[in-house]
Amino acid sequence: MTPTAPVFLSVVSPVYLAEAMVAELVQRLVAALERISPHFEIILVDDRSPDGSWARIKEQMLRDPRVRGLRLSRNFGQHQAITAGLDQCRGEWIVVLDCDLQDRPEEIPALFAAAQRGYDLVLARRVDRQDAWSQKLLSRLFYWVLSYLTDTTQDPAVANFGIYHQKVVAAVLRMRESIRYFPTMVRWVGFRTGYLDVVHARRVSGRSSYSLGQRLHQGLDIMMAYSDKPLRLIIKFGLVLSGGVFLMVPITLLRYWLGQISQPGYTSLIISIWFLSGLLLAVLGVVGLYIGKTFEQVKNRPIYLIDEQTDPGPNP
């Protein structure tokens, strides 16, 4: 390494509950990256993990100066942590992968080779996900709903893992909204995109830090941030409902004039009140969510805050 040598490759990995995986992650990353270039950096972003992940990251930084670490001031979330790492990148090509080793570092040379065919980014497509059937089912359902609401194709086999040219990352970083979802942001910026089928490994230890409630909350945030289709669906539903009312009024009046209705229907009245009240509350709730997300964005708070970080020093 020389002080003037450029950084050719950067790797960003958000770290959470990965104390037992950090050493193996770095070892396998170094072995994979050295097959491409000696000029690389590995940026590990500790999303304020409650275990000893930060201590393990500091150990790796002492052993290899190409390893850099960031520790956020609190748990901001996976995609905010990815943004923090991308903000620090100096490489021409940037790899993003999770820390749990289900994204295999050994696939990076193949991703880089695919990118050399003229692509600005190459996304890893997991051909056989090694997750629980319930997680895969929820993932398919989530991406199906997200595809419908955002009018874009969302592939459940594609997540964060991929290699991105610096111009793609620069475009993504220009999007400073508070609600962040890296795969959707990458799709939004466009550029020449390629896909590569990769092997998806089993998790080395522990389990996913995402609970069902967290996944639902994240899904709702993404839909609110990247689509106004729920509002348009409500308008369409309201028009259909109004059309039904205009149809039922003359029918009801005709039946009344013909003497087919002798007494007002208590049941139908109560059902109508409950239905319309519930509909109004649902509409107000959706509108309120959009207003809330707008309020959150206009506050313009930082996407993340860094508590500790290493000095990048000279380019490796």
C-alpha atoms as a PDB file:
ATOM      1  CA  MET A   1       0.000   0.000   0.000  1.00  0.00           C
ATOM      2  CA  THR A   2       1.156   3.546  -0.746  1.00  0.00           C
ATOM      3  CA  PRO A   3      -0.315   6.856   0.468  1.00  0.00           C
ATOM      4  CA  THR A   4      -1.108   7.914  -3.110  1.00  0.00           C
ATOM      5  CA  ALA A   5      -2.752   4.696  -4.276  1.00  0.00           C
ATOM      6  CA  PRO A   6      -6.479   5.089  -4.954  1.00  0.00           C
ATOM      7  CA  VAL A   7      -9.178   3.071  -3.247  1.00  0.00           C
ATOM      8  CA  PHE A   8     -10.662   0.894  -5.935  1.00  0.00           C
ATOM      9  CA  LEU A   9     -13.205  -1.044  -3.879  1.00  0.00           C
ATOM     10  CA  SER A  10     -15.221  -0.140  -0.810  1.00  0.00           C
ATOM     11  CA  VAL A  11     -17.369  -2.544   1.169  1.00  0.00           C
ATOM     12  CA  VAL A  12     -20.141  -1.317   3.466  1.00  0.00           C
ATOM     13  CA  SER A  13     -21.751  -3.649   5.968  1.00  0.00           C
ATOM     14  CA  PRO A  14     -24.191  -2.593   8.701  1.00  0.00           C
ATOM     15  CA  VAL A  15     -23.461  -4.514  11.899  1.00  0.00           C
ATOM     16  CA  TYR A  16     -26.005  -5.444  14.550  1.00  0.00           C
ATOM     17  CA  LEU A  17     -25.921  -8.388  16.973  1.00  0.00           C
ATOM     18  CA  ALA A  18     -22.933  -9.777  15.081  1.00  0.00           C
ATOM     19  CA  GLU A  19     -20.294 -10.142  17.779  1.00  0.00           C
ATOM     20  CA  ALA A  20     -19.633 -13.756  16.802  1.00  0.00           C
ATOM     21  CA  MET A  21     -19.473 -13.013  13.060  1.00  0.00           C
ATOM     22  CA  VAL A  22     -17.284  -9.917  12.684  1.00  0.00           C
ATOM     23  CA  ALA A  23     -13.920 -11.723  12.585  1.00  0.00           C
ATOM     24  CA  GLU A  24     -15.059 -14.275   9.999  1.00  0.00           C
ATOM     25  CA  LEU A  25     -16.791 -11.554   7.960  1.00  0.00           C
ATOM     26  CA  VAL A  26     -13.570  -9.514   7.703  1.00  0.00           C
ATOM     27  CA  GLN A  27     -11.420 -12.568   6.984  1.00  0.00           C
ATOM     28  CA  ARG A  28     -13.649 -13.716   4.131  1.00  0.00           C
ATOM     29  CA  LEU A  29     -14.032 -10.194   2.753  1.00  0.00           C
ATOM     30  CA  VAL A  30     -10.267  -9.643   2.641  1.00  0.00           C
ATOM     31  CA  ALA A  31      -9.748 -12.965   0.866  1.00  0.00           C
ATOM     32  CA  ALA A  32     -12.435 -12.139  -1.726  1.00  0.00           C
ATOM     33  CA  LEU A  33     -11.374  -8.530  -2.326  1.00  0.00           C
ATOM     34  CA  GLU A  34      -7.682  -9.363  -2.753  1.00  0.00           C
ATOM     35  CA  ARG A  35      -8.686 -11.473  -5.747  1.00  0.00           C
ATOM     36  CA  ILE A  36      -9.752  -8.221  -7.427  1.00  0.00           C
ATOM     37  CA  SER A  37      -7.424  -5.513  -6.120  1.00  0.00           C
ATOM     38  CA  PRO A  38      -5.151  -4.800  -3.143  1.00  0.00           C
ATOM     39  CA  HIS A  39      -6.624  -1.313  -2.927  1.00  0.00           C
ATOM     40  CA  PHE A  40      -9.820  -1.628  -0.929  1.00  0.00           C
ATOM     41  CA  GLU A  41     -11.460  -0.602   2.312  1.00  0.00           C
ATOM     42  CA  ILE A  42     -13.992  -2.358   4.521  1.00  0.00           C
ATOM     43  CA  ILE A  43     -16.393  -0.075   6.387  1.00  0.00           C
ATOM     44  CA  LEU A  44     -18.284  -1.719   9.231  1.00  0.00           C
ATOM     45  CA  VAL A  45     -21.091   0.394  10.678  1.00  0.00           C
ATOM     46  CA  ASP A  46     -22.131  -0.558  14.196  1.00  0.00           C
ATOM     47  CA  ASP A  47     -25.810   0.364  14.485  1.00  0.00           C
ATOM     48  CA  ARG A  48     -25.349   0.675  18.258  1.00  0.00           C
ATOM     49  CA  SER A  49     -25.514  -3.064  18.747  1.00  0.00           C
ATOM     50  CA  PRO A  50     -26.126  -4.024  22.413  1.00  0.00           C
ATOM     51  CA  ASP A  51     -23.576  -6.852  22.268  1.00  0.00           C
ATOM     52  CA  GLY A  52     -19.790  -6.674  21.817  1.00  0.00           C
ATOM     53  CA  SER A  53     -19.853  -5.987  18.072  1.00  0.00           C
ATOM     54  CA  TRP A  54     -18.015  -2.648  18.390  1.00  0.00           C
ATOM     55  CA  ALA A  55     -15.210  -4.221  20.394  1.00  0.00           C
ATOM     56  CA  ARG A  56     -14.794  -6.893  17.712  1.00  0.00           C
ATOM     57  CA  ILE A  57     -14.753  -4.212  14.994  1.00  0.00           C
ATOM     58  CA  LYS A  58     -11.993  -2.309  16.818  1.00  0.00           C
ATOM     59  CA  GLU A  59      -9.956  -5.500  17.069  1.00  0.00           C
ATOM     60  CA  GLN A  60     -10.168  -5.953  13.293  1.00  0.00           C
ATOM     61  CA  MET A  61      -9.203  -2.313  12.708  1.00  0.00           C
ATOM     62  CA  LEU A  62      -6.011  -2.821  14.727  1.00  0.00           C
ATOM     63  CA  ARG A  63      -5.121  -5.915  12.711  1.00  0.00           C
ATOM     64  CA  ASP A  64      -5.771  -4.453   9.261  1.00  0.00           C
ATOM     65  CA  PRO A  65      -5.701  -0.696   8.460  1.00  0.00           C
ATOM     66  CA  ARG A  66      -8.013  -1.333   5.516  1.00  0.00           C
ATOM     67  CA  VAL A  67     -10.830  -2.001   7.990  1.00  0.00           C
ATOM     68  CA  ARG A  68     -12.668   1.098   9.153  1.00  0.00           C
ATOM     69  CA  GLY A  69     -15.386   1.383  11.761  1.00  0.00           C
ATOM     70  CA  LEU A  70     -18.286   3.702  12.517  1.00  0.00           C
ATOM     71  CA  ARG A  71     -20.421   3.529  15.621  1.00  0.00           C
ATOM     72  CA  LEU A  72     -23.742   5.337  15.552  1.00  0.00           C
ATOM     73  CA  SER A  73     -24.981   7.211  18.612  1.00  0.00           C
ATOM     74  CA  ARG A  74     -28.062   4.988  18.837  1.00  0.00           C
ATOM     75  CA  ASN A  75     -29.874   2.334  16.844  1.00  0.00           C
ATOM     76  CA  PHE A  76     -31.056   4.220  13.752  1.00  0.00           C
ATOM     77  CA  GLY A  77     -31.875   1.199  11.604  1.00  0.00           C
ATOM     78  CA  GLN A  78     -30.190  -0.909   8.944  1.00  0.00           C
ATOM     79  CA  HIS A  79     -30.716   1.410   5.996  1.00  0.00           C
ATOM     80  CA  GLN A  80     -29.625   4.510   7.914  1.00  0.00           C
ATOM     81  CA  ALA A  81     -26.471   2.577   8.858  1.00  0.00           C
ATOM     82  CA  ILE A  82     -25.897   1.750   5.181  1.00  0.00           C
ATOM     83  CA  THR A  83     -26.189   5.457   4.384  1.00  0.00           C
ATOM     84  CA  ALA A  84     -23.615   6.289   7.067  1.00  0.00           C
ATOM     85  CA  GLY A  85     -21.183   3.842   5.483  1.00  0.00           C
ATOM     86  CA  LEU A  86     -21.833   5.063   1.953  1.00  0.00           C
ATOM     87  CA  ASP A  87     -21.151   8.643   3.052  1.00  0.00           C
ATOM     88  CA  GLN A  88     -17.639   7.514   4.063  1.00  0.00           C
ATOM     89  CA  CYS A  89     -16.832   5.496   0.926  1.00  0.00           C
ATOM     90  CA  ARG A  90     -13.875   6.422  -1.260  1.00  0.00           C
ATOM     91  CA  GLY A  91     -13.969   3.548  -3.740  1.00  0.00           C
ATOM     92  CA  GLU A  92     -14.783   3.584  -7.432  1.00  0.00           C
ATOM     93  CA  TRP A  93     -16.906   0.489  -6.868  1.00  0.00           C
ATOM     94  CA  ILE A  94     -18.896  -0.075  -3.694  1.00  0.00           C
ATOM     95  CA  VAL A  95     -20.203  -3.384  -2.383  1.00  0.00           C
ATOM     96  CA  VAL A  96     -23.072  -3.448   0.113  1.00  0.00           C
ATOM     97  CA  LEU A  97     -23.813  -6.637   2.030  1.00  0.00           C
ATOM     98  CA  ASP A  98     -25.312  -7.709   5.341  1.00  0.00           C
ATOM     99  CA  CYS A  99     -23.082  -8.829   8.204  1.00  0.00           C
ATOM    100  CA  ASP A 100     -24.773 -12.168   8.907  1.00  0.00           C
ATOM    101  CA  LEU A 101     -22.775 -13.962   6.171  1.00  0.00           C
ATOM    102  CA  GLN A 102     -25.915 -15.083   4.391  1.00  0.00           C
ATOM    103  CA  ASP A 103     -24.602 -12.743   1.691  1.00  0.00           C
ATOM    104  CA  ARG A 104     -21.439 -14.684   0.837  1.00  0.00           C
ATOM    105  CA  PRO A 105     -18.314 -12.488   0.385  1.00  0.00           C
ATOM    106  CA  GLU A 106     -17.030 -15.112  -2.060  1.00  0.00           C
ATOM    107  CA  GLU A 107     -19.627 -13.872  -4.581  1.00  0.00           C
ATOM    108  CA  ILE A 108     -18.037 -10.404  -4.807  1.00  0.00           C
ATOM    109  CA  PRO A 109     -15.500 -11.257  -7.570  1.00  0.00           C
ATOM    110  CA  ALA A 110     -18.340 -12.660  -9.696  1.00  0.00           C
ATOM    111  CA  LEU A 111     -20.419  -9.520  -9.102  1.00  0.00           C
ATOM    112  CA  PHE A 112     -17.451  -7.344 -10.096  1.00  0.00           C
ATOM    113  CA  ALA A 113     -16.843  -9.412 -13.232  1.00  0.00           C
ATOM    114  CA  ALA A 114     -20.509  -9.037 -14.203  1.00  0.00           C
ATOM    115  CA  ALA A 115     -20.300  -5.267 -13.680  1.00  0.00           C
ATOM    116  CA  GLN A 116     -17.423  -5.081 -16.178  1.00  0.00           C
ATOM    117  CA  ARG A 117     -19.837  -6.064 -18.949  1.00  0.00           C
ATOM    118  CA  GLY A 118     -21.111  -2.501 -19.033  1.00  0.00           C
ATOM    119  CA  TYR A 119     -23.363  -2.288 -15.983  1.00  0.00           C
ATOM    120  CA  ASP A 120     -23.376   0.522 -13.428  1.00  0.00           C
ATOM    121  CA  LEU A 121     -24.673  -1.815 -10.752  1.00  0.00           C
ATOM    122  CA  VAL A 122     -25.142  -5.551 -10.415  1.00  0.00           C
ATOM    123  CA  LEU A 123     -27.617  -6.889  -7.878  1.00  0.00           C
ATOM    124  CA  ALA A 124     -27.303 -10.309  -6.314  1.00  0.00           C
ATOM    125  CA  ARG A 125     -30.362 -12.498  -6.822  1.00  0.00           C
ATOM    126  CA  ARG A 126     -30.699 -15.187  -4.130  1.00  0.00           C
ATOM    127  CA  VAL A 127     -31.778 -18.278  -6.052  1.00  0.00           C
ATOM    128  CA  ASP A 128     -32.554 -20.389  -2.986  1.00  0.00           C
ATOM    129  CA  ARG A 129     -33.118 -18.341   0.158  1.00  0.00           C
ATOM    130  CA  GLN A 130     -31.979 -20.129   3.295  1.00  0.00           C
ATOM    131  CA  ASP A 131     -34.633 -18.614   5.548  1.00  0.00           C
ATOM    132  CA  ALA A 132     -37.606 -19.984   7.433  1.00  0.00           C
ATOM    133  CA  TRP A 133     -40.682 -20.605   5.271  1.00  0.00           C
ATOM    134  CA  SER A 134     -42.642 -18.021   7.270  1.00  0.00           C
ATOM    135  CA  GLN A 135     -40.006 -15.362   6.591  1.00  0.00           C
ATOM    136  CA  LYS A 136     -39.953 -16.178   2.869  1.00  0.00           C
ATOM    137  CA  LEU A 137     -43.764 -16.063   2.723  1.00  0.00           C
ATOM    138  CA  LEU A 138     -43.903 -12.691   4.470  1.00  0.00           C
ATOM    139  CA  SER A 139     -41.162 -11.401   2.184  1.00  0.00           C
ATOM    140  CA  ARG A 140     -43.066 -12.433  -0.946  1.00  0.00           C
ATOM    141  CA  LEU A 141     -46.265 -10.875   0.372  1.00  0.00           C
ATOM    142  CA  PHE A 142     -44.470  -7.664   1.335  1.00  0.00           C
ATOM    143  CA  TYR A 143     -42.782  -7.269  -2.052  1.00  0.00           C
ATOM    144  CA  TRP A 144     -46.016  -8.068  -3.890  1.00  0.00           C
ATOM    145  CA  VAL A 145     -47.860  -5.316  -2.020  1.00  0.00           C
ATOM    146  CA  LEU A 146     -44.922  -2.928  -2.419  1.00  0.00           C
ATOM    147  CA  SER A 147     -44.754  -3.615  -6.172  1.00  0.00           C
ATOM    148  CA  TYR A 148     -48.466  -2.890  -6.509  1.00  0.00           C
ATOM    149  CA  LEU A 149     -48.407   0.307  -4.472  1.00  0.00           C
ATOM    150  CA  THR A 150     -45.235   1.742  -6.020  1.00  0.00           C
ATOM    151  CA  ASP A 151     -45.951   0.590  -9.607  1.00  0.00           C
ATOM    152  CA  THR A 152     -42.441  -0.881  -9.813  1.00  0.00           C
ATOM    153  CA  THR A 153     -41.236  -4.462 -10.037  1.00  0.00           C
ATOM    154  CA  GLN A 154     -39.889  -5.627  -6.681  1.00  0.00           C
ATOM    155  CA  ASP A 155     -38.037  -8.929  -6.647  1.00  0.00           C
ATOM    156  CA  PRO A 156     -38.128 -10.702  -3.244  1.00  0.00           C
ATOM    157  CA  ALA A 157     -34.900 -12.501  -4.197  1.00  0.00           C
ATOM    158  CA  VAL A 158     -33.005  -9.185  -4.373  1.00  0.00           C
ATOM    159  CA  ALA A 159     -32.048  -7.183  -1.267  1.00  0.00           C
ATOM    160  CA  ASN A 160     -29.060  -4.967  -0.380  1.00  0.00           C
ATOM    161  CA  PHE A 161     -26.279  -7.232  -1.677  1.00  0.00           C
ATOM    162  CA  GLY A 162     -24.727  -5.934  -4.851  1.00  0.00           C
ATOM    163  CA  ILE A 163     -21.924  -3.920  -6.379  1.00  0.00           C
ATOM    164  CA  TYR A 164     -22.497  -0.272  -7.316  1.00  0.00           C
ATOM    165  CA  HIS A 165     -20.454   2.267  -9.233  1.00  0.00           C
ATOM    166  CA  GLN A 166     -19.669   5.434  -7.321  1.00  0.00           C
ATOM    167  CA  LYS A 167     -22.006   7.488  -9.555  1.00  0.00           C
ATOM    168  CA  VAL A 168     -24.916   5.260  -8.526  1.00  0.00           C
ATOM    169  CA  VAL A 169     -24.039   5.683  -4.857  1.00  0.00           C
ATOM    170  CA  ALA A 170     -23.662   9.451  -5.334  1.00  0.00           C
ATOM    171  CA  ALA A 171     -27.162   9.579  -6.830  1.00  0.00           C
ATOM    172  CA  VAL A 172     -28.612   7.570  -3.931  1.00  0.00           C
ATOM    173  CA  LEU A 173     -26.876   9.812  -1.385  1.00  0.00           C
ATOM    174  CA  ARG A 174     -28.517  12.876  -2.912  1.00  0.00           C
ATOM    175  CA  MET A 175     -31.791  11.475  -1.587  1.00  0.00           C
ATOM    176  CA  ARG A 176     -31.702  12.654   2.019  1.00  0.00           C
ATOM    177  CA  GLU A 177     -35.233  11.749   3.089  1.00  0.00           C
ATOM    178  CA  SER A 178     -35.564  10.415   6.613  1.00  0.00           C
ATOM    179  CA  ILE A 179     -37.393   7.197   5.623  1.00  0.00           C
ATOM    180  CA  ARG A 180     -34.819   5.087   3.830  1.00  0.00           C
ATOM    181  CA  TYR A 181     -34.995   1.740   2.071  1.00  0.00           C
ATOM    182  CA  PHE A 182     -31.854   1.091   0.077  1.00  0.00           C
ATOM    183  CA  PRO A 183     -33.211  -1.402  -2.536  1.00  0.00           C
ATOM    184  CA  THR A 184     -36.090   0.904  -3.516  1.00  0.00           C
ATOM    185  CA  MET A 185     -33.812   3.944  -3.666  1.00  0.00           C
ATOM    186  CA  VAL A 186     -31.419   2.062  -5.958  1.00  0.00           C
ATOM    187  CA  ARG A 187     -34.272   1.148  -8.282  1.00  0.00           C
ATOM    188  CA  TRP A 188     -35.489   4.736  -8.333  1.00  0.00           C
ATOM    189  CA  VAL A 189     -32.169   6.236  -9.476  1.00  0.00           C
ATOM    190  CA  GLY A 190     -32.017   3.827 -12.428  1.00  0.00           C
ATOM    191  CA  PHE A 191     -28.749   3.400 -14.392  1.00  0.00           C
ATOM    192  CA  ARG A 192     -27.705   0.252 -16.241  1.00  0.00           C
ATOM    193  CA  THR A 193     -28.644  -2.621 -13.958  1.00  0.00           C
ATOM    194  CA  GLY A 194     -27.568  -6.234 -14.117  1.00  0.00           C
ATOM    195  CA  TYR A 195     -28.490  -9.269 -12.023  1.00  0.00           C
ATOM    196  CA  LEU A 196     -26.432 -12.242 -10.962  1.00  0.00           C
ATOM    197  CA  ASP A 197     -27.727 -15.424  -9.375  1.00  0.00           C
ATOM    198  CA  VAL A 198     -25.826 -16.150  -6.157  1.00  0.00           C
ATOM    199  CA  VAL A 199     -25.844 -18.780  -3.449  1.00  0.00           C
ATOM    200  CA  HIS A 200     -27.642 -17.712  -0.284  1.00  0.00           C
ATOM    201  CA  ALA A 201     -26.028 -19.170   2.826  1.00  0.00           C
ATOM    202  CA  ARG A 202     -27.554 -20.116   6.138  1.00  0.00           C
ATOM    203  CA  ARG A 203     -27.101 -17.697   9.001  1.00  0.00           C
ATOM    204  CA  VAL A 204     -23.884 -18.482  10.890  1.00  0.00           C
ATOM    205  CA  SER A 205     -25.259 -17.747  14.352  1.00  0.00           C
ATOM    206  CA  GLY A 206     -28.144 -16.033  16.079  1.00  0.00           C
ATOM    207  CA  ARG A 207     -31.288 -14.996  14.315  1.00  0.00           C
ATOM    208  CA  SER A 208     -32.629 -12.001  12.450  1.00  0.00           C
ATOM    209  CA  SER A 209     -33.039  -8.863  14.545  1.00  0.00           C
ATOM    210  CA  TYR A 210     -36.224  -7.974  12.636  1.00  0.00           C
ATOM    211  CA  SER A 211     -39.383  -8.978  14.483  1.00  0.00           C
ATOM    212  CA  LEU A 212     -42.735  -9.281  12.733  1.00  0.00           C
ATOM    213  CA  GLY A 213     -43.830  -5.960  14.229  1.00  0.00           C
ATOM    214  CA  GLN A 214     -40.670  -4.242  12.992  1.00  0.00           C
ATOM    215  CA  ARG A 215     -41.155  -5.647   9.500  1.00  0.00           C
ATOM    216  CA  LEU A 216     -44.750  -4.415   9.383  1.00  0.00           C
ATOM    217  CA  HIS A 217     -43.698  -0.988  10.648  1.00  0.00           C
ATOM    218  CA  GLN A 218     -40.914  -0.791   8.072  1.00  0.00           C
ATOM    219  CA  GLY A 219     -43.260  -1.891   5.299  1.00  0.00           C
ATOM    220  CA  LEU A 220     -45.783   0.791   6.228  1.00  0.00           C
ATOM    221  CA  ASP A 221     -43.071   3.444   6.302  1.00  0.00           C
ATOM    222  CA  ILE A 222     -41.787   2.422   2.867  1.00  0.00           C
ATOM    223  CA  MET A 223     -45.248   2.450   1.326  1.00  0.00           C
ATOM    224  CA  MET A 224     -45.982   5.883   2.777  1.00  0.00           C
ATOM    225  CA  ALA A 225     -42.609   7.272   1.663  1.00  0.00           C
ATOM    226  CA  TYR A 226     -42.457   5.909  -1.877  1.00  0.00           C
ATOM    227  CA  SER A 227     -46.062   5.808  -3.021  1.00  0.00           C
ATOM    228  CA  ASP A 228     -49.209   7.927  -3.011  1.00  0.00           C
ATOM    229  CA  LYS A 229     -51.244   5.056  -4.389  1.00  0.00           C
ATOM    230  CA  PRO A 230     -53.116   4.401  -1.096  1.00  0.00           C
ATOM    231  CA  LEU A 231     -54.569   7.912  -1.382  1.00  0.00           C
ATOM    232  CA  ARG A 232     -55.590   7.317  -4.991  1.00  0.00           C
ATOM    233  CA  LEU A 233     -57.148   3.962  -4.083  1.00  0.00           C
ATOM    234  CA  ILE A 234     -59.187   5.645  -1.356  1.00  0.00           C
ATOM    235  CA  ILE A 235     -60.451   8.227  -3.846  1.00  0.00           C
ATOM    236  CA  LYS A 236     -61.467   5.482  -6.273  1.00  0.00           C
ATOM    237  CA  PHE A 237     -63.153   3.514  -3.517  1.00  0.00           C
ATOM    238  CA  GLY A 238     -65.011   6.639  -2.405  1.00  0.00           C
ATOM    239  CA  LEU A 239     -66.244   7.256  -5.954  1.00  0.00           C
ATOM    240  CA  VAL A 240     -67.437   3.660  -6.262  1.00  0.00           C
ATOM    241  CA  LEU A 241     -69.199   3.930  -2.914  1.00  0.00           C
ATOM    242  CA  SER A 242     -70.804   7.219  -3.923  1.00  0.00           C
ATOM    243  CA  GLY A 243     -71.927   5.692  -7.194  1.00  0.00           C
ATOM    244  CA  GLY A 244     -73.532   2.856  -5.253  1.00  0.00           C
ATOM    245  CA  VAL A 245     -75.367   5.344  -3.042  1.00  0.00           C
ATOM    246  CA  PHE A 246     -76.745   7.234  -6.045  1.00  0.00           C
ATOM    247  CA  LEU A 247     -77.926   3.911  -7.446  1.00  0.00           C
ATOM    248  CA  MET A 248     -79.576   2.781  -4.231  1.00  0.00           C
ATOM    249  CA  VAL A 249     -81.442   6.049  -3.549  1.00  0.00           C
ATOM    250  CA  PRO A 250     -83.854   5.844  -6.526  1.00  0.00           C
ATOM    251  CA  ILE A 251     -84.344   2.101  -5.933  1.00  0.00           C
ATOM    252  CA  THR A 252     -85.212   2.707  -2.283  1.00  0.00           C
ATOM    253  CA  LEU A 253     -87.577   5.570  -3.178  1.00  0.00           C
ATOM    254  CA  LEU A 254     -89.285   3.428  -5.824  1.00  0.00           C
ATOM    255  CA  ARG A 255     -89.803   0.594  -3.337  1.00  0.00           C
ATOM    256  CA  TYR A 256     -91.202   3.089  -0.820  1.00  0.00           C
ATOM    257  CA  TRP A 257     -93.687   4.513  -3.348  1.00  0.00           C
ATOM    258  CA  LEU A 258     -94.732   1.001  -4.310  1.00  0.00           C
ATOM    259  CA  GLY A 259     -95.417   0.206  -0.668  1.00  0.00           C
ATOM    260  CA  GLN A 260     -92.730  -2.443  -0.403  1.00  0.00           C
ATOM    261  CA  ILE A 261     -91.117  -0.686   2.570  1.00  0.00           C
ATOM    262  CA  SER A 262     -93.485  -0.358   5.504  1.00  0.00           C
ATOM    263  CA  GLN A 263     -91.012   0.372   8.307  1.00  0.00           C
ATOM    264  CA  PRO A 264     -87.545   1.842   8.308  1.00  0.00           C
ATOM    265  CA  GLY A 265     -84.862  -0.829   8.697  1.00  0.00           C
ATOM    266  CA  TYR A 266     -83.063  -0.459  11.964  1.00  0.00           C
ATOM    267  CA  THR A 267     -80.440  -3.083  11.031  1.00  0.00           C
ATOM    268  CA  SER A 268     -79.567  -1.511   7.705  1.00  0.00           C
ATOM    269  CA  LEU A 269     -79.316   1.895   9.357  1.00  0.00           C
ATOM    270  CA  ILE A 270     -76.899   0.680  12.016  1.00  0.00           C
ATOM    271  CA  ILE A 271     -74.815  -1.195   9.441  1.00  0.00           C
ATOM    272  CA  SER A 272     -74.611   1.915   7.265  1.00  0.00           C
ATOM    273  CA  ILE A 273     -73.521   4.078  10.191  1.00  0.00           C
ATOM    274  CA  TRP A 274     -70.825   1.638  11.265  1.00  0.00           C
ATOM    275  CA  PHE A 275     -69.599   1.141   7.707  1.00  0.00           C
ATOM    276  CA  LEU A 276     -69.384   4.828   6.864  1.00  0.00           C
ATOM    277  CA  SER A 277     -67.849   5.705  10.241  1.00  0.00           C
ATOM    278  CA  GLY A 278     -65.181   3.057   9.815  1.00  0.00           C
ATOM    279  CA  LEU A 279     -64.515   4.217   6.266  1.00  0.00           C
ATOM    280  CA  LEU A 280     -64.128   7.829   7.364  1.00  0.00           C
ATOM    281  CA  LEU A 281     -61.768   6.874  10.165  1.00  0.00           C
ATOM    282  CA  ALA A 282     -59.684   4.772   7.755  1.00  0.00           C
ATOM    283  CA  VAL A 283     -59.476   7.657   5.273  1.00  0.00           C
ATOM    284  CA  LEU A 284     -58.504  10.095   8.020  1.00  0.00           C
ATOM    285  CA  GLY A 285     -55.923   7.606   9.277  1.00  0.00           C
ATOM    286  CA  VAL A 286     -54.227   7.252   5.893  1.00  0.00           C
ATOM    287  CA  VAL A 287     -54.216  11.021   5.352  1.00  0.00           C
ATOM    288  CA  GLY A 288     -52.885  11.471   8.882  1.00  0.00           C
ATOM    289  CA  LEU A 289     -50.024   9.059   8.188  1.00  0.00           C
ATOM    290  CA  TYR A 290     -48.986  11.055   5.134  1.00  0.00           C
ATOM    291  CA  ILE A 291     -49.156  14.295   7.098  1.00  0.00           C
ATOM    292  CA  GLY A 292     -47.102  12.708   9.867  1.00  0.00           C
ATOM    293  CA  LYS A 293     -44.423  11.535   7.434  1.00  0.00           C
ATOM    294  CA  THR A 294     -44.341  14.992   5.853  1.00  0.00           C
ATOM    295  CA  PHE A 295     -43.908  16.555   9.299  1.00  0.00           C
ATOM    296  CA  GLU A 296     -41.092  14.128  10.057  1.00  0.00           C
ATOM    297  CA  GLN A 297     -39.309  15.043   6.828  1.00  0.00           C
ATOM    298  CA  VAL A 298     -39.637  18.834   7.099  1.00  0.00           C
ATOM    299  CA  LYS A 299     -37.951  18.766  10.513  1.00  0.00           C
ATOM    300  CA  ASN A 300     -34.818  17.972   8.500  1.00  0.00           C
ATOM    301  CA  ARG A 301     -33.092  16.076  11.282  1.00  0.00           C
ATOM    302  CA  PRO A 302     -29.879  14.162  10.515  1.00  0.00           C
ATOM    303  CA  ILE A 303     -30.377  10.705   9.048  1.00  0.00           C
ATOM    304  CA  TYR A 304     -27.884   9.354  11.579  1.00  0.00           C
ATOM    305  CA  LEU A 305     -25.372  10.551  14.181  1.00  0.00           C
ATOM    306  CA  ILE A 306     -21.886   9.104  14.616  1.00  0.00           C
ATOM    307  CA  ASP A 307     -20.575   8.499  18.115  1.00  0.00           C
ATOM    308  CA  GLU A 308     -17.156   7.054  17.217  1.00  0.00           C
ATOM    309  CA  GLN A 309     -15.250   6.519  14.010  1.00  0.00           C
ATOM    310  CA  THR A 310     -11.755   5.673  12.923  1.00  0.00           C
ATOM    311  CA  ASP A 311      -9.478   8.035  11.092  1.00  0.00           C
ATOM    312  CA  PRO A 312      -9.446   6.865   7.464  1.00  0.00           C
ATOM    313  CA  GLY A 313      -5.793   7.857   7.179  1.00  0.00           C
ATOM    314  CA  PRO A 314      -4.021   7.599   3.794  1.00  0.00           C
ATOM    315  CA  ASN A 315      -5.705   5.794   0.958  1.00  0.00           C
ATOM    316  CA  PRO A 316      -4.705   2.124   1.001  1.00  0.00           C
END
